[in-house]
N, C-alpha and C. Protein backbone atom coordinates (compact mmCIF):
# COMPACT_ATOMS: atom_id res chain seq x y z
N UNK A 1 -49.37 -30.25 38.87
CA UNK A 1 -49.29 -31.66 39.19
C UNK A 1 -48.69 -31.83 40.58
N UNK A 2 -49.24 -32.73 41.33
CA UNK A 2 -48.72 -33.09 42.65
C UNK A 2 -48.05 -34.45 42.51
N UNK A 3 -46.89 -34.60 43.15
CA UNK A 3 -46.11 -35.83 43.06
C UNK A 3 -45.97 -36.46 44.44
N UNK A 4 -45.97 -37.79 44.47
CA UNK A 4 -45.76 -38.53 45.71
C UNK A 4 -44.39 -39.20 45.60
N UNK A 5 -43.61 -39.11 46.68
CA UNK A 5 -42.28 -39.70 46.67
C UNK A 5 -42.39 -41.22 46.69
N UNK A 6 -41.61 -41.87 45.84
CA UNK A 6 -41.66 -43.32 45.68
C UNK A 6 -40.88 -44.01 46.80
N UNK A 7 -41.43 -43.95 48.00
CA UNK A 7 -40.82 -44.58 49.16
C UNK A 7 -41.62 -45.80 49.61
N UNK A 8 -42.69 -46.09 48.90
CA UNK A 8 -43.56 -47.23 49.22
C UNK A 8 -43.36 -48.34 48.19
N UNK A 9 -43.90 -49.50 48.49
CA UNK A 9 -43.86 -50.61 47.53
C UNK A 9 -44.65 -50.22 46.28
N UNK A 10 -44.27 -50.80 45.16
CA UNK A 10 -44.92 -50.47 43.89
C UNK A 10 -46.42 -50.71 43.94
N UNK A 11 -46.86 -51.75 44.62
CA UNK A 11 -48.28 -52.06 44.72
C UNK A 11 -49.03 -50.93 45.45
N UNK A 12 -48.42 -50.41 46.51
CA UNK A 12 -49.03 -49.30 47.26
C UNK A 12 -49.04 -48.02 46.42
N UNK A 13 -47.97 -47.81 45.68
CA UNK A 13 -47.91 -46.63 44.80
C UNK A 13 -48.98 -46.72 43.72
N UNK A 14 -49.18 -47.90 43.18
CA UNK A 14 -50.20 -48.10 42.15
C UNK A 14 -51.57 -47.69 42.68
N UNK A 15 -51.87 -48.09 43.89
CA UNK A 15 -53.16 -47.75 44.50
C UNK A 15 -53.29 -46.24 44.71
N UNK A 16 -52.24 -45.61 45.20
CA UNK A 16 -52.27 -44.16 45.43
C UNK A 16 -52.46 -43.41 44.11
N UNK A 17 -51.71 -43.82 43.09
CA UNK A 17 -51.82 -43.17 41.78
C UNK A 17 -53.21 -43.35 41.19
N UNK A 18 -53.77 -44.54 41.32
CA UNK A 18 -55.12 -44.80 40.81
C UNK A 18 -56.16 -43.95 41.52
N UNK A 19 -55.99 -43.76 42.82
CA UNK A 19 -56.96 -43.00 43.61
C UNK A 19 -56.82 -41.49 43.45
N UNK A 20 -55.58 -41.02 43.21
CA UNK A 20 -55.34 -39.57 43.24
C UNK A 20 -54.92 -38.97 41.91
N UNK A 21 -54.38 -39.79 41.01
CA UNK A 21 -53.85 -39.27 39.76
C UNK A 21 -52.51 -38.56 39.92
N UNK A 22 -51.87 -38.71 41.09
CA UNK A 22 -50.58 -38.06 41.33
C UNK A 22 -49.50 -38.63 40.44
N UNK A 23 -48.45 -37.85 40.26
CA UNK A 23 -47.25 -38.31 39.60
C UNK A 23 -46.30 -38.91 40.63
N UNK A 24 -45.15 -39.37 40.16
CA UNK A 24 -44.17 -40.01 41.03
C UNK A 24 -42.89 -39.18 41.08
N UNK A 25 -42.38 -38.98 42.29
CA UNK A 25 -41.04 -38.42 42.47
C UNK A 25 -40.14 -39.60 42.79
N UNK A 26 -39.21 -39.88 41.90
CA UNK A 26 -38.36 -41.06 42.05
C UNK A 26 -37.03 -40.72 42.71
N UNK A 27 -36.63 -41.58 43.66
CA UNK A 27 -35.29 -41.49 44.23
C UNK A 27 -34.39 -42.57 43.64
N UNK A 28 -34.94 -43.35 42.71
CA UNK A 28 -34.22 -44.48 42.11
C UNK A 28 -32.88 -44.07 41.51
N UNK A 29 -32.82 -42.87 40.96
CA UNK A 29 -31.62 -42.41 40.28
C UNK A 29 -30.77 -41.52 41.18
N UNK A 30 -31.06 -41.56 42.47
CA UNK A 30 -30.26 -40.85 43.47
C UNK A 30 -29.38 -41.82 44.23
N UNK A 31 -29.41 -43.07 43.87
CA UNK A 31 -28.64 -44.11 44.53
C UNK A 31 -27.50 -44.51 43.57
N UNK A 32 -26.28 -44.32 44.03
CA UNK A 32 -25.11 -44.52 43.15
C UNK A 32 -25.08 -45.90 42.51
N UNK A 33 -25.40 -46.96 43.26
CA UNK A 33 -25.31 -48.30 42.67
C UNK A 33 -26.30 -48.49 41.52
N UNK A 34 -27.41 -47.76 41.53
CA UNK A 34 -28.37 -47.83 40.42
C UNK A 34 -27.83 -47.14 39.17
N UNK A 35 -26.87 -46.23 39.36
CA UNK A 35 -26.29 -45.52 38.23
C UNK A 35 -25.13 -46.28 37.61
N UNK A 36 -24.67 -47.34 38.28
CA UNK A 36 -23.58 -48.14 37.73
C UNK A 36 -24.00 -48.87 36.46
N UNK A 37 -25.29 -49.21 36.36
CA UNK A 37 -25.83 -49.89 35.17
C UNK A 37 -27.05 -49.11 34.70
N UNK A 38 -26.84 -47.93 34.12
CA UNK A 38 -27.96 -47.04 33.79
C UNK A 38 -28.99 -47.66 32.84
N UNK A 39 -28.54 -48.43 31.85
CA UNK A 39 -29.48 -49.04 30.91
C UNK A 39 -30.43 -50.00 31.60
N UNK A 40 -29.88 -50.84 32.46
CA UNK A 40 -30.71 -51.80 33.20
C UNK A 40 -31.64 -51.08 34.17
N UNK A 41 -31.13 -50.08 34.86
CA UNK A 41 -31.95 -49.32 35.80
C UNK A 41 -33.11 -48.65 35.08
N UNK A 42 -32.84 -48.03 33.94
CA UNK A 42 -33.91 -47.38 33.17
C UNK A 42 -34.95 -48.38 32.70
N UNK A 43 -34.50 -49.50 32.18
CA UNK A 43 -35.42 -50.53 31.67
C UNK A 43 -36.31 -51.06 32.80
N UNK A 44 -35.71 -51.38 33.91
CA UNK A 44 -36.45 -51.92 35.06
C UNK A 44 -37.43 -50.89 35.60
N UNK A 45 -36.97 -49.65 35.76
CA UNK A 45 -37.84 -48.63 36.35
C UNK A 45 -38.98 -48.26 35.40
N UNK A 46 -38.72 -48.26 34.11
CA UNK A 46 -39.78 -47.98 33.13
C UNK A 46 -40.92 -49.00 33.27
N UNK A 47 -40.56 -50.26 33.45
CA UNK A 47 -41.57 -51.31 33.63
C UNK A 47 -42.34 -51.11 34.94
N UNK A 48 -41.63 -50.71 35.98
CA UNK A 48 -42.29 -50.47 37.27
C UNK A 48 -43.26 -49.30 37.17
N UNK A 49 -42.87 -48.23 36.48
CA UNK A 49 -43.77 -47.08 36.30
C UNK A 49 -45.02 -47.47 35.52
N UNK A 50 -44.82 -48.29 34.50
CA UNK A 50 -45.96 -48.77 33.71
C UNK A 50 -46.91 -49.57 34.59
N UNK A 51 -46.36 -50.46 35.42
CA UNK A 51 -47.18 -51.26 36.34
C UNK A 51 -47.98 -50.35 37.28
N UNK A 52 -47.34 -49.27 37.75
CA UNK A 52 -48.02 -48.36 38.69
C UNK A 52 -49.04 -47.46 38.02
N UNK A 53 -48.99 -47.40 36.70
CA UNK A 53 -49.90 -46.50 35.99
C UNK A 53 -49.46 -45.06 36.05
N UNK A 54 -48.18 -44.84 36.21
CA UNK A 54 -47.62 -43.48 36.33
C UNK A 54 -47.54 -42.81 34.97
N UNK A 55 -48.08 -41.59 34.89
CA UNK A 55 -48.00 -40.81 33.66
C UNK A 55 -47.10 -39.60 33.80
N UNK A 56 -46.79 -39.20 35.04
CA UNK A 56 -45.95 -38.03 35.30
C UNK A 56 -44.82 -38.43 36.24
N UNK A 57 -43.59 -38.02 35.91
CA UNK A 57 -42.43 -38.41 36.70
C UNK A 57 -41.49 -37.22 36.88
N UNK A 58 -40.99 -37.06 38.10
CA UNK A 58 -39.88 -36.14 38.36
C UNK A 58 -38.82 -36.92 39.12
N UNK A 59 -37.58 -36.45 39.03
CA UNK A 59 -36.48 -37.15 39.69
C UNK A 59 -35.98 -36.35 40.88
N UNK A 60 -35.71 -37.05 41.96
CA UNK A 60 -35.14 -36.45 43.16
C UNK A 60 -33.68 -36.13 42.87
N UNK A 61 -33.26 -34.92 43.10
CA UNK A 61 -31.93 -34.47 42.70
C UNK A 61 -30.76 -34.93 43.54
N UNK A 62 -30.77 -34.74 44.86
CA UNK A 62 -29.57 -35.05 45.64
C UNK A 62 -29.24 -36.54 45.63
N UNK A 63 -27.96 -36.83 45.63
CA UNK A 63 -27.52 -38.21 45.71
C UNK A 63 -27.44 -38.61 47.18
N UNK A 64 -27.82 -39.85 47.47
CA UNK A 64 -27.85 -40.33 48.84
C UNK A 64 -26.47 -40.55 49.43
N UNK A 65 -25.51 -40.91 48.60
CA UNK A 65 -24.19 -41.25 49.13
C UNK A 65 -23.07 -40.49 48.43
N UNK A 66 -23.29 -39.21 48.21
CA UNK A 66 -22.29 -38.36 47.59
C UNK A 66 -21.50 -37.66 48.69
N UNK A 67 -20.22 -37.95 48.76
CA UNK A 67 -19.36 -37.34 49.77
C UNK A 67 -18.21 -36.66 49.05
N UNK A 68 -18.16 -35.33 49.05
CA UNK A 68 -17.13 -34.62 48.28
C UNK A 68 -15.70 -35.04 48.60
N UNK A 69 -15.42 -35.41 49.84
CA UNK A 69 -14.07 -35.78 50.21
C UNK A 69 -13.92 -37.28 50.45
N UNK A 70 -14.94 -38.03 50.20
CA UNK A 70 -14.90 -39.47 50.41
C UNK A 70 -15.07 -39.80 51.89
N UNK A 71 -15.26 -41.07 52.14
CA UNK A 71 -15.48 -41.52 53.52
C UNK A 71 -14.18 -41.95 54.19
N UNK A 72 -13.14 -42.13 53.44
CA UNK A 72 -11.90 -42.61 54.03
C UNK A 72 -10.75 -41.67 53.74
N UNK A 73 -9.63 -42.02 54.32
CA UNK A 73 -8.43 -41.24 54.11
C UNK A 73 -7.50 -42.00 53.18
N UNK A 74 -6.46 -41.34 52.71
CA UNK A 74 -5.52 -41.95 51.79
C UNK A 74 -4.82 -43.17 52.40
N UNK A 75 -4.69 -43.19 53.73
CA UNK A 75 -4.03 -44.32 54.38
C UNK A 75 -4.96 -45.49 54.64
N UNK A 76 -6.23 -45.39 54.17
CA UNK A 76 -7.18 -46.48 54.29
C UNK A 76 -8.03 -46.44 55.54
N UNK A 77 -7.76 -45.51 56.45
CA UNK A 77 -8.57 -45.40 57.66
C UNK A 77 -9.78 -44.52 57.38
N UNK A 78 -10.86 -44.78 58.11
CA UNK A 78 -12.04 -43.94 57.97
C UNK A 78 -11.90 -42.68 58.79
N UNK A 79 -12.58 -41.66 58.36
CA UNK A 79 -12.55 -40.38 59.08
C UNK A 79 -13.24 -40.49 60.42
């Protein structure tokens, strides 16, 4: 299976999937704010995948805003 990264609007992804039969590589779950409400994110994304006609899904692993030491210092200043 070949997957296309979900970096386009859902309407454009729907067209690509219809034309090629590709699966979707989602970055939706690589964004920390989307993980704050996992139930809502799953429900919303499931509906979007259905709209796009997606039958195959993989998830992008790295997190976009994961910083092992944080962005700031203990005194409140940024690095």
